[in-house]
PDB file of N, CA and C in Angstrom:
ATOM      1  N   MET A   1     -18.452  -0.206  96.021  1.00  0.00           N
ATOM      2  CA  MET A   1     -19.518  -0.300  95.212  1.00  0.00           C
ATOM      3  C   MET A   1     -20.650   0.590  95.850  1.00  0.00           C
ATOM      4  N   PRO A   2     -21.017   1.704  95.103  1.00  0.00           N
ATOM      5  CA  PRO A   2     -22.139   2.475  95.638  1.00  0.00           C
ATOM      6  C   PRO A   2     -23.444   1.842  95.664  1.00  0.00           C
ATOM      7  N   LYS A   3     -24.229   2.139  96.774  1.00  0.00           N
ATOM      8  CA  LYS A   3     -25.545   1.571  96.963  1.00  0.00           C
ATOM      9  C   LYS A   3     -26.621   2.222  96.157  1.00  0.00           C
ATOM     10  N   THR A   4     -27.465   1.583  95.502  1.00  0.00           N
ATOM     11  CA  THR A   4     -28.502   2.342  94.669  1.00  0.00           C
ATOM     12  C   THR A   4     -29.782   2.118  95.416  1.00  0.00           C
ATOM     13  N   ALA A   5     -30.601   3.095  95.050  1.00  0.00           N
ATOM     14  CA  ALA A   5     -31.934   2.929  95.719  1.00  0.00           C
ATOM     15  C   ALA A   5     -32.710   1.764  95.229  1.00  0.00           C
ATOM     16  N   LEU A   6     -33.469   1.218  96.184  1.00  0.00           N
ATOM     17  CA  LEU A   6     -34.280  -0.076  95.822  1.00  0.00           C
ATOM     18  C   LEU A   6     -35.457   0.411  95.072  1.00  0.00           C
ATOM     19  N   ARG A   7     -35.765  -0.343  94.134  1.00  0.00           N
ATOM     20  CA  ARG A   7     -37.058  -0.115  93.338  1.00  0.00           C
ATOM     21  C   ARG A   7     -38.132  -0.994  93.731  1.00  0.00           C
ATOM     22  N   SER A   8     -39.324  -0.460  93.683  1.00  0.00           N
ATOM     23  CA  SER A   8     -40.441  -1.355  94.088  1.00  0.00           C
ATOM     24  C   SER A   8     -40.701  -2.391  93.318  1.00  0.00           C
ATOM     25  N   ALA A   9     -41.318  -3.490  93.671  1.00  0.00           N
ATOM     26  CA  ALA A   9     -41.420  -4.733  92.946  1.00  0.00           C
ATOM     27  C   ALA A   9     -42.661  -4.491  91.785  1.00  0.00           C
ATOM     28  N   PRO A  10     -42.257  -4.827  90.717  1.00  0.00           N
ATOM     29  CA  PRO A  10     -43.518  -4.711  89.655  1.00  0.00           C
ATOM     30  C   PRO A  10     -44.645  -5.562  89.991  1.00  0.00           C
ATOM     31  N   PRO A  11     -45.702  -5.163  89.532  1.00  0.00           N
ATOM     32  CA  PRO A  11     -47.084  -6.053  89.894  1.00  0.00           C
ATOM     33  C   PRO A  11     -47.014  -7.243  89.195  1.00  0.00           C
ATOM     34  N   PRO A  12     -47.590  -8.259  89.744  1.00  0.00           N
ATOM     35  CA  PRO A  12     -47.512  -9.610  89.150  1.00  0.00           C
ATOM     36  C   PRO A  12     -48.188  -9.835  87.696  1.00  0.00           C
ATOM     37  N   LEU A  13     -47.635 -10.564  87.012  1.00  0.00           N
ATOM     38  CA  LEU A  13     -48.192 -10.723  85.645  1.00  0.00           C
ATOM     39  C   LEU A  13     -49.405 -11.653  85.762  1.00  0.00           C
ATOM     40  N   GLU A  14     -50.494 -11.446  85.052  1.00  0.00           N
ATOM     41  CA  GLU A  14     -51.562 -12.397  84.890  1.00  0.00           C
ATOM     42  C   GLU A  14     -51.309 -13.303  83.800  1.00  0.00           C
ATOM     43  N   GLY A  15     -51.229 -14.553  83.995  1.00  0.00           N
ATOM     44  CA  GLY A  15     -51.087 -15.508  83.001  1.00  0.00           C
ATOM     45  C   GLY A  15     -52.523 -15.977  82.516  1.00  0.00           C
ATOM     46  N   ASN A  16     -52.403 -16.810  81.456  1.00  0.00           N
ATOM     47  CA  ASN A  16     -53.744 -17.233  80.856  1.00  0.00           C
ATOM     48  C   ASN A  16     -54.052 -18.598  81.495  1.00  0.00           C
ATOM     49  N   ASP A  17     -54.404 -18.478  82.738  1.00  0.00           N
ATOM     50  CA  ASP A  17     -54.630 -19.719  83.579  1.00  0.00           C
ATOM     51  C   ASP A  17     -55.556 -20.729  83.150  1.00  0.00           C
ATOM     52  N   VAL A  18     -56.598 -20.197  82.374  1.00  0.00           N
ATOM     53  CA  VAL A  18     -57.688 -21.072  81.824  1.00  0.00           C
ATOM     54  C   VAL A  18     -56.988 -21.929  80.768  1.00  0.00           C
ATOM     55  N   ALA A  19     -56.166 -21.288  80.053  1.00  0.00           N
ATOM     56  CA  ALA A  19     -55.639 -22.082  78.937  1.00  0.00           C
ATOM     57  C   ALA A  19     -54.552 -23.116  79.413  1.00  0.00           C
ATOM     58  N   ILE A  20     -54.007 -22.783  80.342  1.00  0.00           N
ATOM     59  CA  ILE A  20     -52.894 -23.589  80.970  1.00  0.00           C
ATOM     60  C   ILE A  20     -53.478 -24.930  81.562  1.00  0.00           C
ATOM     61  N   VAL A  21     -54.541 -24.546  82.468  1.00  0.00           N
ATOM     62  CA  VAL A  21     -55.280 -25.736  83.177  1.00  0.00           C
ATOM     63  C   VAL A  21     -56.052 -26.551  82.018  1.00  0.00           C
ATOM     64  N   GLY A  22     -56.572 -25.951  81.088  1.00  0.00           N
ATOM     65  CA  GLY A  22     -57.331 -26.587  80.094  1.00  0.00           C
ATOM     66  C   GLY A  22     -56.335 -27.564  79.297  1.00  0.00           C
ATOM     67  N   THR A  23     -55.165 -26.931  79.028  1.00  0.00           N
ATOM     68  CA  THR A  23     -54.090 -27.893  78.213  1.00  0.00           C
ATOM     69  C   THR A  23     -53.852 -29.133  79.138  1.00  0.00           C
ATOM     70  N   GLY A  24     -53.572 -28.852  80.394  1.00  0.00           N
ATOM     71  CA  GLY A  24     -53.185 -30.073  81.311  1.00  0.00           C
ATOM     72  C   GLY A  24     -54.312 -30.940  81.420  1.00  0.00           C
ATOM     73  N   THR A  25     -55.525 -30.436  81.444  1.00  0.00           N
ATOM     74  CA  THR A  25     -56.671 -31.364  81.580  1.00  0.00           C
ATOM     75  C   THR A  25     -56.932 -32.139  80.387  1.00  0.00           C
ATOM     76  N   VAL A  26     -56.649 -31.721  79.283  1.00  0.00           N
ATOM     77  CA  VAL A  26     -56.677 -32.501  77.961  1.00  0.00           C
ATOM     78  C   VAL A  26     -55.675 -33.465  77.865  1.00  0.00           C
ATOM     79  N   LEU A  27     -54.561 -33.112  78.389  1.00  0.00           N
ATOM     80  CA  LEU A  27     -53.445 -34.051  78.350  1.00  0.00           C
ATOM     81  C   LEU A  27     -53.682 -35.297  79.281  1.00  0.00           C
ATOM     82  N   TRP A  28     -54.327 -35.096  80.563  1.00  0.00           N
ATOM     83  CA  TRP A  28     -54.624 -36.052  81.348  1.00  0.00           C
ATOM     84  C   TRP A  28     -55.618 -36.979  80.690  1.00  0.00           C
ATOM     85  N   PHE A  29     -56.744 -36.390  80.021  1.00  0.00           N
ATOM     86  CA  PHE A  29     -57.604 -37.349  79.397  1.00  0.00           C
ATOM     87  C   PHE A  29     -56.999 -38.006  78.221  1.00  0.00           C
ATOM     88  N   VAL A  30     -56.133 -37.413  77.469  1.00  0.00           N
ATOM     89  CA  VAL A  30     -55.367 -38.197  76.349  1.00  0.00           C
ATOM     90  C   VAL A  30     -54.555 -39.334  76.993  1.00  0.00           C
ATOM     91  N   GLY A  31     -53.918 -39.036  78.129  1.00  0.00           N
ATOM     92  CA  GLY A  31     -53.194 -40.058  78.663  1.00  0.00           C
ATOM     93  C   GLY A  31     -54.158 -41.282  78.976  1.00  0.00           C
ATOM     94  N   PHE A  32     -55.341 -40.861  79.718  1.00  0.00           N
ATOM     95  CA  PHE A  32     -56.319 -42.012  80.080  1.00  0.00           C
ATOM     96  C   PHE A  32     -56.680 -42.799  78.747  1.00  0.00           C
ATOM     97  N   VAL A  33     -57.153 -42.206  77.814  1.00  0.00           N
ATOM     98  CA  VAL A  33     -57.496 -42.783  76.615  1.00  0.00           C
ATOM     99  C   VAL A  33     -56.465 -43.700  75.902  1.00  0.00           C
ATOM    100  N   ALA A  34     -55.193 -43.201  76.040  1.00  0.00           N
ATOM    101  CA  ALA A  34     -54.182 -43.894  75.388  1.00  0.00           C
ATOM    102  C   ALA A  34     -53.835 -45.192  76.317  1.00  0.00           C
ATOM    103  N   LEU A  35     -54.020 -45.080  77.525  1.00  0.00           N
ATOM    104  CA  LEU A  35     -53.672 -46.224  78.428  1.00  0.00           C
ATOM    105  C   LEU A  35     -54.688 -47.434  78.581  1.00  0.00           C
ATOM    106  N   VAL A  36     -55.888 -46.983  78.517  1.00  0.00           N
ATOM    107  CA  VAL A  36     -57.074 -47.880  78.694  1.00  0.00           C
ATOM    108  C   VAL A  36     -56.804 -49.178  77.839  1.00  0.00           C
ATOM    109  N   PRO A  37     -56.570 -49.081  76.616  1.00  0.00           N
ATOM    110  CA  PRO A  37     -56.346 -50.410  75.727  1.00  0.00           C
ATOM    111  C   PRO A  37     -55.264 -51.301  76.308  1.00  0.00           C
ATOM    112  N   PHE A  38     -54.356 -50.785  77.180  1.00  0.00           N
ATOM    113  CA  PHE A  38     -53.299 -51.557  77.708  1.00  0.00           C
ATOM    114  C   PHE A  38     -53.522 -51.940  79.102  1.00  0.00           C
ATOM    115  N   GLN A  39     -54.672 -51.905  79.634  1.00  0.00           N
ATOM    116  CA  GLN A  39     -55.036 -52.085  81.030  1.00  0.00           C
ATOM    117  C   GLN A  39     -54.487 -53.394  81.552  1.00  0.00           C
ATOM    118  N   GLY A  40     -54.871 -54.373  80.861  1.00  0.00           N
ATOM    119  CA  GLY A  40     -54.288 -55.802  81.103  1.00  0.00           C
ATOM    120  C   GLY A  40     -52.822 -55.894  81.264  1.00  0.00           C
ATOM    121  N   TRP A  41     -52.201 -55.415  80.256  1.00  0.00           N
ATOM    122  CA  TRP A  41     -50.645 -55.457  80.355  1.00  0.00           C
ATOM    123  C   TRP A  41     -50.055 -54.559  81.412  1.00  0.00           C
ATOM    124  N   LEU A  42     -50.653 -53.430  81.674  1.00  0.00           N
ATOM    125  CA  LEU A  42     -50.377 -52.693  82.757  1.00  0.00           C
ATOM    126  C   LEU A  42     -50.582 -53.327  84.186  1.00  0.00           C
ATOM    127  N   SER A  43     -51.629 -54.028  84.250  1.00  0.00           N
ATOM    128  CA  SER A  43     -51.963 -54.748  85.498  1.00  0.00           C
ATOM    129  C   SER A  43     -51.050 -55.852  85.651  1.00  0.00           C
ATOM    130  N   ASP A  44     -50.622 -56.522  84.692  1.00  0.00           N
ATOM    131  CA  ASP A  44     -49.734 -57.587  84.724  1.00  0.00           C
ATOM    132  C   ASP A  44     -48.340 -57.140  85.169  1.00  0.00           C
ATOM    133  N   HIS A  45     -47.919 -55.882  85.013  1.00  0.00           N
ATOM    134  CA  HIS A  45     -46.668 -55.455  85.221  1.00  0.00           C
ATOM    135  C   HIS A  45     -46.710 -54.410  86.351  1.00  0.00           C
ATOM    136  N   ASP A  46     -47.827 -54.553  87.263  1.00  0.00           N
ATOM    137  CA  ASP A  46     -47.989 -53.595  88.388  1.00  0.00           C
ATOM    138  C   ASP A  46     -48.031 -52.242  88.285  1.00  0.00           C
ATOM    139  N   HIS A  47     -48.653 -51.832  87.127  1.00  0.00           N
ATOM    140  CA  HIS A  47     -49.058 -50.468  86.797  1.00  0.00           C
ATOM    141  C   HIS A  47     -50.408 -50.280  86.358  1.00  0.00           C
ATOM    142  N   GLY A  48     -51.249 -51.062  86.989  1.00  0.00           N
ATOM    143  CA  GLY A  48     -52.667 -50.976  86.703  1.00  0.00           C
ATOM    144  C   GLY A  48     -53.323 -49.714  87.042  1.00  0.00           C
ATOM    145  N   THR A  49     -52.768 -48.893  87.940  1.00  0.00           N
ATOM    146  CA  THR A  49     -53.405 -47.670  88.422  1.00  0.00           C
ATOM    147  C   THR A  49     -53.216 -46.465  87.463  1.00  0.00           C
ATOM    148  N   TRP A  50     -52.120 -46.646  86.592  1.00  0.00           N
ATOM    149  CA  TRP A  50     -51.892 -45.478  85.680  1.00  0.00           C
ATOM    150  C   TRP A  50     -53.109 -44.907  84.998  1.00  0.00           C
ATOM    151  N   PRO A  51     -53.965 -45.674  84.261  1.00  0.00           N
ATOM    152  CA  PRO A  51     -55.096 -45.104  83.637  1.00  0.00           C
ATOM    153  C   PRO A  51     -55.984 -44.316  84.430  1.00  0.00           C
ATOM    154  N   TRP A  52     -56.270 -44.882  85.800  1.00  0.00           N
ATOM    155  CA  TRP A  52     -57.080 -44.176  86.790  1.00  0.00           C
ATOM    156  C   TRP A  52     -56.566 -42.888  87.349  1.00  0.00           C
ATOM    157  N   ILE A  53     -55.214 -42.863  87.439  1.00  0.00           N
ATOM    158  CA  ILE A  53     -54.374 -41.699  87.813  1.00  0.00           C
ATOM    159  C   ILE A  53     -54.598 -40.726  86.742  1.00  0.00           C
ATOM    160  N   CYS A  54     -54.625 -41.045  85.467  1.00  0.00           N
ATOM    161  CA  CYS A  54     -54.838 -40.040  84.410  1.00  0.00           C
ATOM    162  C   CYS A  54     -56.181 -39.623  84.426  1.00  0.00           C
ATOM    163  N   LEU A  55     -57.178 -40.547  84.664  1.00  0.00           N
ATOM    164  CA  LEU A  55     -58.631 -40.125  84.783  1.00  0.00           C
ATOM    165  C   LEU A  55     -58.850 -39.141  85.918  1.00  0.00           C
ATOM    166  N   SER A  56     -58.250 -39.297  87.130  1.00  0.00           N
ATOM    167  CA  SER A  56     -58.300 -38.528  88.280  1.00  0.00           C
ATOM    168  C   SER A  56     -57.734 -37.144  87.924  1.00  0.00           C
ATOM    169  N   GLY A  57     -56.616 -37.042  87.296  1.00  0.00           N
ATOM    170  CA  GLY A  57     -55.999 -35.947  86.864  1.00  0.00           C
ATOM    171  C   GLY A  57     -57.006 -35.060  85.929  1.00  0.00           C
ATOM    172  N   GLY A  58     -57.562 -35.733  84.937  1.00  0.00           N
ATOM    173  CA  GLY A  58     -58.497 -35.075  84.132  1.00  0.00           C
ATOM    174  C   GLY A  58     -59.738 -34.526  84.854  1.00  0.00           C
ATOM    175  N   LEU A  59     -60.356 -35.261  85.809  1.00  0.00           N
ATOM    176  CA  LEU A  59     -61.417 -34.774  86.587  1.00  0.00           C
ATOM    177  C   LEU A  59     -61.015 -33.622  87.479  1.00  0.00           C
ATOM    178  N   LEU A  60     -59.907 -33.763  88.150  1.00  0.00           N
ATOM    179  CA  LEU A  60     -59.429 -32.513  89.006  1.00  0.00           C
ATOM    180  C   LEU A  60     -59.128 -31.296  88.055  1.00  0.00           C
ATOM    181  N   GLY A  61     -58.774 -31.594  86.937  1.00  0.00           N
ATOM    182  CA  GLY A  61     -58.543 -30.433  85.917  1.00  0.00           C
ATOM    183  C   GLY A  61     -59.829 -29.829  85.649  1.00  0.00           C
ATOM    184  N   LEU A  62     -60.926 -30.551  85.602  1.00  0.00           N
ATOM    185  CA  LEU A  62     -62.136 -29.900  85.164  1.00  0.00           C
ATOM    186  C   LEU A  62     -62.599 -29.156  86.443  1.00  0.00           C
ATOM    187  N   ILE A  63     -62.331 -29.538  87.575  1.00  0.00           N
ATOM    188  CA  ILE A  63     -62.539 -28.665  88.895  1.00  0.00           C
ATOM    189  C   ILE A  63     -61.671 -27.423  88.737  1.00  0.00           C
ATOM    190  N   GLY A  64     -60.384 -27.621  88.416  1.00  0.00           N
ATOM    191  CA  GLY A  64     -59.626 -26.395  88.183  1.00  0.00           C
ATOM    192  C   GLY A  64     -60.082 -25.392  87.107  1.00  0.00           C
ATOM    193  N   LEU A  65     -60.581 -26.065  86.045  1.00  0.00           N
ATOM    194  CA  LEU A  65     -61.054 -25.040  84.950  1.00  0.00           C
ATOM    195  C   LEU A  65     -62.360 -24.239  85.575  1.00  0.00           C
ATOM    196  N   LYS A  66     -63.139 -24.843  86.333  1.00  0.00           N
ATOM    197  CA  LYS A  66     -64.258 -24.270  87.028  1.00  0.00           C
ATOM    198  C   LYS A  66     -63.784 -23.157  87.765  1.00  0.00           C
ATOM    199  N   TYR A  67     -62.804 -23.376  88.613  1.00  0.00           N
ATOM    200  CA  TYR A  67     -62.264 -22.363  89.611  1.00  0.00           C
ATOM    201  C   TYR A  67     -61.574 -21.205  88.755  1.00  0.00           C
ATOM    202  N   CYS A  68     -60.805 -21.606  87.726  1.00  0.00           N
ATOM    203  CA  CYS A  68     -60.160 -20.535  86.990  1.00  0.00           C
ATOM    204  C   CYS A  68     -61.056 -19.590  86.209  1.00  0.00           C
ATOM    205  N   THR A  69     -62.190 -20.287  85.604  1.00  0.00           N
ATOM    206  CA  THR A  69     -63.213 -19.320  84.918  1.00  0.00           C
ATOM    207  C   THR A  69     -63.818 -18.530  85.911  1.00  0.00           C
ATOM    208  N   ALA A  70     -64.173 -18.988  87.091  1.00  0.00           N
ATOM    209  CA  ALA A  70     -64.873 -18.087  88.138  1.00  0.00           C
ATOM    210  C   ALA A  70     -63.961 -17.087  88.624  1.00  0.00           C
ATOM    211  N   ARG A  71     -62.621 -17.283  88.881  1.00  0.00           N
ATOM    212  CA  ARG A  71     -61.685 -16.361  89.283  1.00  0.00           C
ATOM    213  C   ARG A  71     -61.581 -15.308  88.246  1.00  0.00           C
ATOM    214  N   ARG A  72     -61.507 -15.702  86.937  1.00  0.00           N
ATOM    215  CA  ARG A  72     -61.285 -14.651  85.860  1.00  0.00           C
ATOM    216  C   ARG A  72     -62.596 -13.820  85.833  1.00  0.00           C
ATOM    217  N   ALA A  73     -63.855 -14.363  85.941  1.00  0.00           N
ATOM    218  CA  ALA A  73     -64.911 -13.624  85.965  1.00  0.00           C
ATOM    219  C   ALA A  73     -65.014 -12.468  87.137  1.00  0.00           C
ATOM    220  N   ALA A  74     -64.631 -12.973  88.265  1.00  0.00           N
ATOM    221  CA  ALA A  74     -64.519 -12.205  89.452  1.00  0.00           C
ATOM    222  C   ALA A  74     -63.548 -10.969  89.286  1.00  0.00           C
ATOM    223  N   ILE A  75     -62.375 -11.216  88.616  1.00  0.00           N
ATOM    224  CA  ILE A  75     -61.468 -10.114  88.449  1.00  0.00           C
ATOM    225  C   ILE A  75     -61.996  -9.201  87.524  1.00  0.00           C
ATOM    226  N   ARG A  76     -62.571  -9.664  86.401  1.00  0.00           N
ATOM    227  CA  ARG A  76     -63.374  -8.679  85.390  1.00  0.00           C
ATOM    228  C   ARG A  76     -64.328  -7.882  86.230  1.00  0.00           C
ATOM    229  N   ARG A  77     -65.178  -8.415  86.961  1.00  0.00           N
ATOM    230  CA  ARG A  77     -66.174  -7.720  87.584  1.00  0.00           C
ATOM    231  C   ARG A  77     -65.584  -6.649  88.655  1.00  0.00           C
ATOM    232  N   ALA A  78     -64.521  -7.013  89.266  1.00  0.00           N
ATOM    233  CA  ALA A  78     -64.024  -6.077  90.097  1.00  0.00           C
ATOM    234  C   ALA A  78     -63.228  -4.819  89.321  1.00  0.00           C
ATOM    235  N   ARG A  79     -62.752  -5.272  88.359  1.00  0.00           N
ATOM    236  CA  ARG A  79     -62.073  -4.147  87.563  1.00  0.00           C
ATOM    237  C   ARG A  79     -63.127  -3.337  86.935  1.00  0.00           C
ATOM    238  N   ALA A  80     -64.224  -3.924  86.475  1.00  0.00           N
ATOM    239  CA  ALA A  80     -65.238  -2.982  85.907  1.00  0.00           C
ATOM    240  C   ALA A  80     -65.873  -2.137  86.910  1.00  0.00           C
ATOM    241  N   ALA A  81     -66.044  -2.652  88.180  1.00  0.00           N
ATOM    242  CA  ALA A  81     -66.652  -1.767  89.224  1.00  0.00           C
ATOM    243  C   ALA A  81     -65.711  -0.668  89.704  1.00  0.00           C
ATOM    244  N   GLU A  82     -64.301  -1.051  89.544  1.00  0.00           N
ATOM    245  CA  GLU A  82     -63.344   0.138  89.964  1.00  0.00           C
ATOM    246  C   GLU A  82     -63.388   1.113  88.791  1.00  0.00           C
ATOM    247  N   ALA A  83     -63.379   0.694  87.570  1.00  0.00           N
ATOM    248  CA  ALA A  83     -63.588   1.779  86.528  1.00  0.00           C
ATOM    249  C   ALA A  83     -64.761   2.471  86.550  1.00  0.00           C
ATOM    250  N   ALA A  84     -65.960   1.906  86.937  1.00  0.00           N
ATOM    251  CA  ALA A  84     -67.175   2.680  86.991  1.00  0.00           C
ATOM    252  C   ALA A  84     -67.086   3.610  88.138  1.00  0.00           C
ATOM    253  N   GLU A  85     -66.479   3.146  89.318  1.00  0.00           N
ATOM    254  CA  GLU A  85     -66.325   3.981  90.445  1.00  0.00           C
ATOM    255  C   GLU A  85     -65.454   5.140  90.220  1.00  0.00           C
ATOM    256  N   ALA A  86     -64.360   4.956  89.464  1.00  0.00           N
ATOM    257  CA  ALA A  86     -63.387   5.966  89.079  1.00  0.00           C
ATOM    258  C   ALA A  86     -64.100   6.990  88.078  1.00  0.00           C
ATOM    259  N   ALA A  87     -64.851   6.534  87.159  1.00  0.00           N
ATOM    260  CA  ALA A  87     -65.640   7.420  86.263  1.00  0.00           C
ATOM    261  C   ALA A  87     -66.804   8.220  86.979  1.00  0.00           C
ATOM    262  N   GLY A  88     -67.130   7.726  88.125  1.00  0.00           N
ATOM    263  CA  GLY A  88     -68.285   8.413  88.948  1.00  0.00           C
ATOM    264  C   GLY A  88     -69.588   8.034  88.386  1.00  0.00           C
ATOM    265  N   GLU A  89     -69.658   6.786  87.847  1.00  0.00           N
ATOM    266  CA  GLU A  89     -71.063   6.293  87.352  1.00  0.00           C
ATOM    267  C   GLU A  89     -71.528   5.430  88.469  1.00  0.00           C
ATOM    268  N   PRO A  90     -72.731   5.609  88.935  1.00  0.00           N
ATOM    269  CA  PRO A  90     -73.343   4.791  89.888  1.00  0.00           C
ATOM    270  C   PRO A  90     -73.579   3.429  89.153  1.00  0.00           C
ATOM    271  N   GLY A  91     -73.397   2.406  89.765  1.00  0.00           N
ATOM    272  CA  GLY A  91     -73.625   1.184  89.128  1.00  0.00           C
ATOM    273  C   GLY A  91     -73.648   0.166  90.174  1.00  0.00           C
ATOM    274  N   GLU A  92     -72.939  -1.101  89.881  1.00  0.00           N
ATOM    275  CA  GLU A  92     -72.982  -2.164  90.913  1.00  0.00           C
ATOM    276  C   GLU A  92     -71.978  -1.681  91.927  1.00  0.00           C
ATOM    277  N   ALA A  93     -71.092  -0.920  91.962  1.00  0.00           N
ATOM    278  CA  ALA A  93     -70.287  -0.363  93.012  1.00  0.00           C
ATOM    279  C   ALA A  93     -71.034   0.302  94.053  1.00  0.00           C
ATOM    280  N   ALA A  94     -72.192   0.836  93.748  1.00  0.00           N
ATOM    281  CA  ALA A  94     -72.883   1.792  94.803  1.00  0.00           C
ATOM    282  C   ALA A  94     -73.897   0.775  95.406  1.00  0.00           C
ATOM    283  N   LEU A  95     -74.320  -0.486  94.833  1.00  0.00           N
ATOM    284  CA  LEU A  95     -75.195  -1.392  95.512  1.00  0.00           C
ATOM    285  C   LEU A  95     -74.592  -2.077  96.710  1.00  0.00           C
TER     286      LEU A  95
END
């Protein structure tokens, strides 16, 4: 079998991380709201922590949303600065 030349790896794909984290966050909060009415039954059957786990997941998801939106904004600023620098326009890149 002849050896072929190795190709370079393609650049990584950017996913819509805000939508993914937002969907997960909403699902955690839905789980919390769905389980709260059954708190007594869950506690009787040694599952009393489930609603609080869902609430924790939702709150951590809010932190994740903040991180993802800040990351997205930073990537956009960096791309805009690169484009301005490539076009020779003085702007934020020169500061």
